[in-house]
C-alpha atoms as a PDB file:
ATOM      1  CA  THR A   1      -1.391  -3.124  -5.803  1.00  0.00           C
ATOM      2  CA  ALA A   2       0.860  -3.313  -8.545  1.00  0.00           C
ATOM      3  CA  ALA A   3       2.081  -6.864  -7.330  1.00  0.00           C
ATOM      4  CA  LEU A   4      -1.308  -7.986  -6.470  1.00  0.00           C
ATOM      5  CA  SER A   5      -2.750  -6.707  -9.561  1.00  0.00           C
ATOM      6  CA  ALA A   6      -1.658 -10.165 -11.071  1.00  0.00           C
ATOM      7  CA  PRO A   7      -4.322 -12.140 -13.014  1.00  0.00           C
ATOM      8  CA  ARG A   8      -4.625 -14.942 -11.591  1.00  0.00           C
ATOM      9  CA  LEU A   9      -2.872 -18.206 -12.767  1.00  0.00           C
ATOM     10  CA  PRO A  10      -5.017 -20.729 -15.776  1.00  0.00           C
ATOM     11  CA  ARG A  11      -8.110 -21.336 -13.407  1.00  0.00           C
ATOM     12  CA  GLY A  12     -10.253 -19.204 -11.983  1.00  0.00           C
ATOM     13  CA  ASP A  13     -11.202 -15.482 -12.379  1.00  0.00           C
ATOM     14  CA  ALA A  14      -8.467 -13.332 -14.628  1.00  0.00           C
ATOM     15  CA  MET A  15      -8.451 -10.533 -12.409  1.00  0.00           C
ATOM     16  CA  GLU A  16      -8.176 -11.200  -9.510  1.00  0.00           C
ATOM     17  CA  PRO A  17      -4.388 -11.590  -7.837  1.00  0.00           C
ATOM     18  CA  PRO A  18      -3.307 -15.086  -7.679  1.00  0.00           C
ATOM     19  CA  THR A  19      -3.046 -16.928  -4.360  1.00  0.00           C
ATOM     20  CA  ALA A  20       0.006 -17.724  -2.885  1.00  0.00           C
ATOM     21  CA  ALA A  21      -0.480 -21.418  -3.849  1.00  0.00           C
ATOM     22  CA  GLU A  22      -0.869 -20.768  -7.742  1.00  0.00           C
ATOM     23  CA  LEU A  23       2.486 -18.492  -7.419  1.00  0.00           C
ATOM     24  CA  GLY A  24       4.232 -21.344  -4.986  1.00  0.00           C
ATOM     25  CA  LEU A  25       5.602 -19.217  -2.254  1.00  0.00           C
ATOM     26  CA  SER A  26       6.681 -20.848   1.050  1.00  0.00           C
ATOM     27  CA  SER A  27       4.345 -21.166   4.143  1.00  0.00           C
ATOM     28  CA  ALA A  28       5.866 -17.262   5.733  1.00  0.00           C
ATOM     29  CA  GLN A  29       5.291 -15.425   2.538  1.00  0.00           C
ATOM     30  CA  ALA A  30       1.902 -17.203   1.605  1.00  0.00           C
ATOM     31  CA  ARG A  31       0.375 -15.793   4.600  1.00  0.00           C
ATOM     32  CA  GLN A  32       1.523 -12.137   4.027  1.00  0.00           C
ATOM     33  CA  TRP A  33       0.314 -12.880   0.282  1.00  0.00           C
ATOM     34  CA  ASP A  34      -2.885 -14.073   0.606  1.00  0.00           C
ATOM     35  CA  ALA A  35      -3.728 -11.450   3.565  1.00  0.00           C
ATOM     36  CA  LEU A  36      -2.747  -8.885   0.673  1.00  0.00           C
ATOM     37  CA  ARG A  37      -4.429 -11.009  -1.929  1.00  0.00           C
ATOM     38  CA  ALA A  38      -8.109 -10.147   0.447  1.00  0.00           C
ATOM     39  CA  GLU A  39      -7.172  -6.766   1.093  1.00  0.00           C
ATOM     40  CA  THR A  40      -6.567  -6.074  -2.037  1.00  0.00           C
ATOM     41  CA  LEU A  41      -9.912  -7.295  -3.147  1.00  0.00           C
ATOM     42  CA  ALA A  42     -11.733  -5.813  -0.210  1.00  0.00           C
ATOM     43  CA  LEU A  43     -10.794  -2.725  -1.135  1.00  0.00           C
ATOM     44  CA  ARG A  44     -11.137  -3.507  -5.005  1.00  0.00           C
ATOM     45  CA  ARG A  45     -14.952  -4.410  -4.052  1.00  0.00           C
ATOM     46  CA  ILE A  46     -15.049  -0.765  -1.267  1.00  0.00           C
ATOM     47  CA  GLY A  47     -14.016   0.892  -4.365  1.00  0.00           C
ATOM     48  CA  ARG A  48     -16.803   0.160  -7.009  1.00  0.00           C
ATOM     49  CA  ASP A  49     -18.872  -0.108  -4.288  1.00  0.00           C
ATOM     50  CA  GLU A  50     -18.935   3.844  -3.468  1.00  0.00           C
ATOM     51  CA  LEU A  51     -18.078   4.915  -7.504  1.00  0.00           C
ATOM     52  CA  GLN A  52     -21.885   3.228  -8.180  1.00  0.00           C
ATOM     53  CA  SER A  53     -23.369   5.113  -4.626  1.00  0.00           C
ATOM     54  CA  GLY A  54     -21.490   8.294  -5.854  1.00  0.00           C
ATOM     55  CA  LEU A  55     -23.164   7.991  -9.415  1.00  0.00           C
ATOM     56  CA  LEU A  56     -26.841   7.275  -7.999  1.00  0.00           C
ATOM     57  CA  GLU A  57     -26.647  10.038  -5.343  1.00  0.00           C
ATOM     58  CA  LEU A  58     -24.894  12.951  -7.753  1.00  0.00           C
ATOM     59  CA  ARG A  59     -27.568  11.761 -10.092  1.00  0.00           C
ATOM     60  CA  SER A  60     -30.509  11.978  -7.643  1.00  0.00           C
ATOM     61  CA  LEU A  61     -28.813  15.619  -7.330  1.00  0.00           C
ATOM     62  CA  LEU A  62     -28.855  16.369 -10.575  1.00  0.00           C
ATOM     63  CA  ASP A  63     -32.750  16.226 -10.448  1.00  0.00           C
ATOM     64  CA  GLN A  64     -33.421  18.572  -7.632  1.00  0.00           C
ATOM     65  CA  ARG A  65     -33.863  22.470  -7.946  1.00  0.00           C
ATOM     66  CA  ALA A  66     -31.085  23.956  -6.718  1.00  0.00           C
ATOM     67  CA  PRO A  67     -28.158  21.230  -5.415  1.00  0.00           C
ATOM     68  CA  ASP A  68     -24.926  21.467  -3.486  1.00  0.00           C
ATOM     69  CA  LEU A  69     -22.787  20.628  -5.792  1.00  0.00           C
ATOM     70  CA  ARG A  70     -19.730  21.900  -4.275  1.00  0.00           C
ATOM     71  CA  ALA A  71     -20.939  19.980  -1.016  1.00  0.00           C
ATOM     72  CA  PHE A  72     -20.856  17.033  -2.842  1.00  0.00           C
ATOM     73  CA  SER A  73     -18.107  18.029  -4.921  1.00  0.00           C
ATOM     74  CA  GLU A  74     -15.887  17.895  -1.034  1.00  0.00           C
ATOM     75  CA  GLU A  75     -17.221  15.128  -0.080  1.00  0.00           C
ATOM     76  CA  SER A  76     -16.485  12.680  -3.363  1.00  0.00           C
ATOM     77  CA  GLN A  77     -12.993  14.227  -3.625  1.00  0.00           C
ATOM     78  CA  HIS A  78     -12.451  13.470   0.502  1.00  0.00           C
ATOM     79  CA  MET A  79     -13.954   9.652  -0.361  1.00  0.00           C
ATOM     80  CA  VAL A  80     -11.234   9.542  -3.408  1.00  0.00           C
ATOM     81  CA  ASP A  81      -8.155  10.674  -0.963  1.00  0.00           C
ATOM     82  CA  ALA A  82      -9.432   8.004   1.678  1.00  0.00           C
ATOM     83  CA  HIS A  83      -9.224   5.827  -0.737  1.00  0.00           C
ATOM     84  CA  MET A  84      -6.194   6.745  -2.558  1.00  0.00           C
ATOM     85  CA  ALA A  85      -4.623   6.199   0.690  1.00  0.00           C
ATOM     86  CA  GLU A  86      -5.620   3.411   1.926  1.00  0.00           C
ATOM     87  CA  ALA A  87      -4.409   1.897  -1.668  1.00  0.00           C
ATOM     88  CA  ARG A  88      -1.087   3.828  -1.701  1.00  0.00           C
ATOM     89  CA  ALA A  89      -0.772   2.013   2.507  1.00  0.00           C
ATOM     90  CA  LEU A  90      -1.055  -1.521   1.074  1.00  0.00           C
ATOM     91  CA  ARG A  91       0.869  -1.075  -2.520  1.00  0.00           C
ATOM     92  CA  GLU A  92       3.803  -0.203  -0.229  1.00  0.00           C
ATOM     93  CA  ARG A  93       3.302  -3.541   1.997  1.00  0.00           C
ATOM     94  CA  GLN A  94       3.026  -5.274  -1.436  1.00  0.00           C
ATOM     95  CA  LEU A  95       6.319  -3.911  -2.295  1.00  0.00           C
ATOM     96  CA  ASP A  96       7.832  -4.827   1.014  1.00  0.00           C
ATOM     97  CA  LEU A  97       6.448  -8.540   0.937  1.00  0.00           C
ATOM     98  CA  TYR A  98       8.062  -8.513  -2.860  1.00  0.00           C
ATOM     99  CA  GLU A  99      11.144  -7.200  -2.002  1.00  0.00           C
ATOM    100  CA  SER A 100      11.483 -10.088   1.091  1.00  0.00           C
ATOM    101  CA  LEU A 101      11.110 -13.565  -1.861  1.00  0.00           C
ATOM    102  CA  SER A 102      13.586 -14.977  -3.070  1.00  0.00           C
ATOM    103  CA  ALA A 103      14.555 -14.950  -6.962  1.00  0.00           C
ATOM    104  CA  ASP A 104      12.616 -17.463  -8.052  1.00  0.00           C
ATOM    105  CA  GLU A 105       9.379 -16.252  -6.074  1.00  0.00           C
ATOM    106  CA  LYS A 106       9.627 -12.864  -7.792  1.00  0.00           C
ATOM    107  CA  ALA A 107      10.097 -14.455 -10.694  1.00  0.00           C
ATOM    108  CA  ARG A 108       7.101 -16.024 -10.971  1.00  0.00           C
ATOM    109  CA  VAL A 109       4.848 -12.719  -9.122  1.00  0.00           C
ATOM    110  CA  ARG A 110       6.771 -10.877 -12.176  1.00  0.00           C
ATOM    111  CA  ALA A 111       5.753 -13.673 -14.696  1.00  0.00           C
ATOM    112  CA  ALA A 112       2.166 -13.050 -13.238  1.00  0.00           C
ATOM    113  CA  MET A 113       1.676  -9.309 -13.624  1.00  0.00           C
ATOM    114  CA  ALA A 114       3.080  -8.892 -16.969  1.00  0.00           C
ATOM    115  CA  GLN A 115       0.351 -12.080 -17.685  1.00  0.00           C
ATOM    116  CA  ARG A 116      -2.114  -9.026 -16.192  1.00  0.00           C
ATOM    117  CA  ILE A 117      -0.457  -6.419 -18.857  1.00  0.00           C
ATOM    118  CA  ASP A 118      -0.782  -8.337 -21.781  1.00  0.00           C
ATOM    119  CA  ARG A 119      -4.738  -9.292 -21.209  1.00  0.00           C
ATOM    120  CA  LEU A 120      -5.432  -5.855 -20.362  1.00  0.00           C
ATOM    121  CA  SER A 121      -3.529  -4.645 -23.559  1.00  0.00           C
ATOM    122  CA  ARG A 122      -5.615  -7.550 -25.619  1.00  0.00           C
ATOM    123  CA  LEU A 123      -8.990  -6.323 -23.800  1.00  0.00           C
ATOM    124  CA  ARG A 124      -8.132  -2.836 -24.440  1.00  0.00           C
ATOM    125  CA  GLU A 125      -7.464  -3.221 -28.396  1.00  0.00           C
ATOM    126  CA  ARG A 126     -10.589  -5.368 -28.136  1.00  0.00           C
ATOM    127  CA  LEU A 127     -12.819  -2.478 -27.124  1.00  0.00           C
ATOM    128  CA  ALA A 128     -10.983   0.193 -29.445  1.00  0.00           C
ATOM    129  CA  GLY A 129     -12.176  -2.272 -31.986  1.00  0.00           C
ATOM    130  CA  PHE A 130     -15.637  -2.413 -30.975  1.00  0.00           C
ATOM    131  CA  ILE A 131     -15.537   1.073 -30.677  1.00  0.00           C
ATOM    132  CA  ALA A 132     -14.024   1.639 -33.761  1.00  0.00           C
ATOM    133  CA  ALA A 133     -16.954  -0.451 -35.732  1.00  0.00           C
ATOM    134  CA  LYS A 134     -19.897   1.026 -33.428  1.00  0.00           C
ATOM    135  CA  ALA A 135     -18.604   4.476 -35.106  1.00  0.00           C
END
């Protein structure tokens, strides 16, 4: 998901991948990019939903006198494994697309990825500072 995990450029949600138009990709690659972008966003949403659902289910199980935690663990692991397999397949398609881009297009994608890494680093630093201040 590295290629599509870059933040949007100046406008929009900085946690979403940039659109093909924002990166200035050619038409053939633009259609592929935007399709993979949509898959990336859907996979993220599904992952968040599954995590939230799993936490609610676990919390409910913990209120039971004799919960089957082993069965819950096995089901959860199966869901994680399936999600990770989908993410790996998506990442492979993203890398295939990246490798098909022109040198200029690759440079724009790398710049967007670098912006995301920088933004995440700043967020991490602010979070660490917030946690340290609360301690």
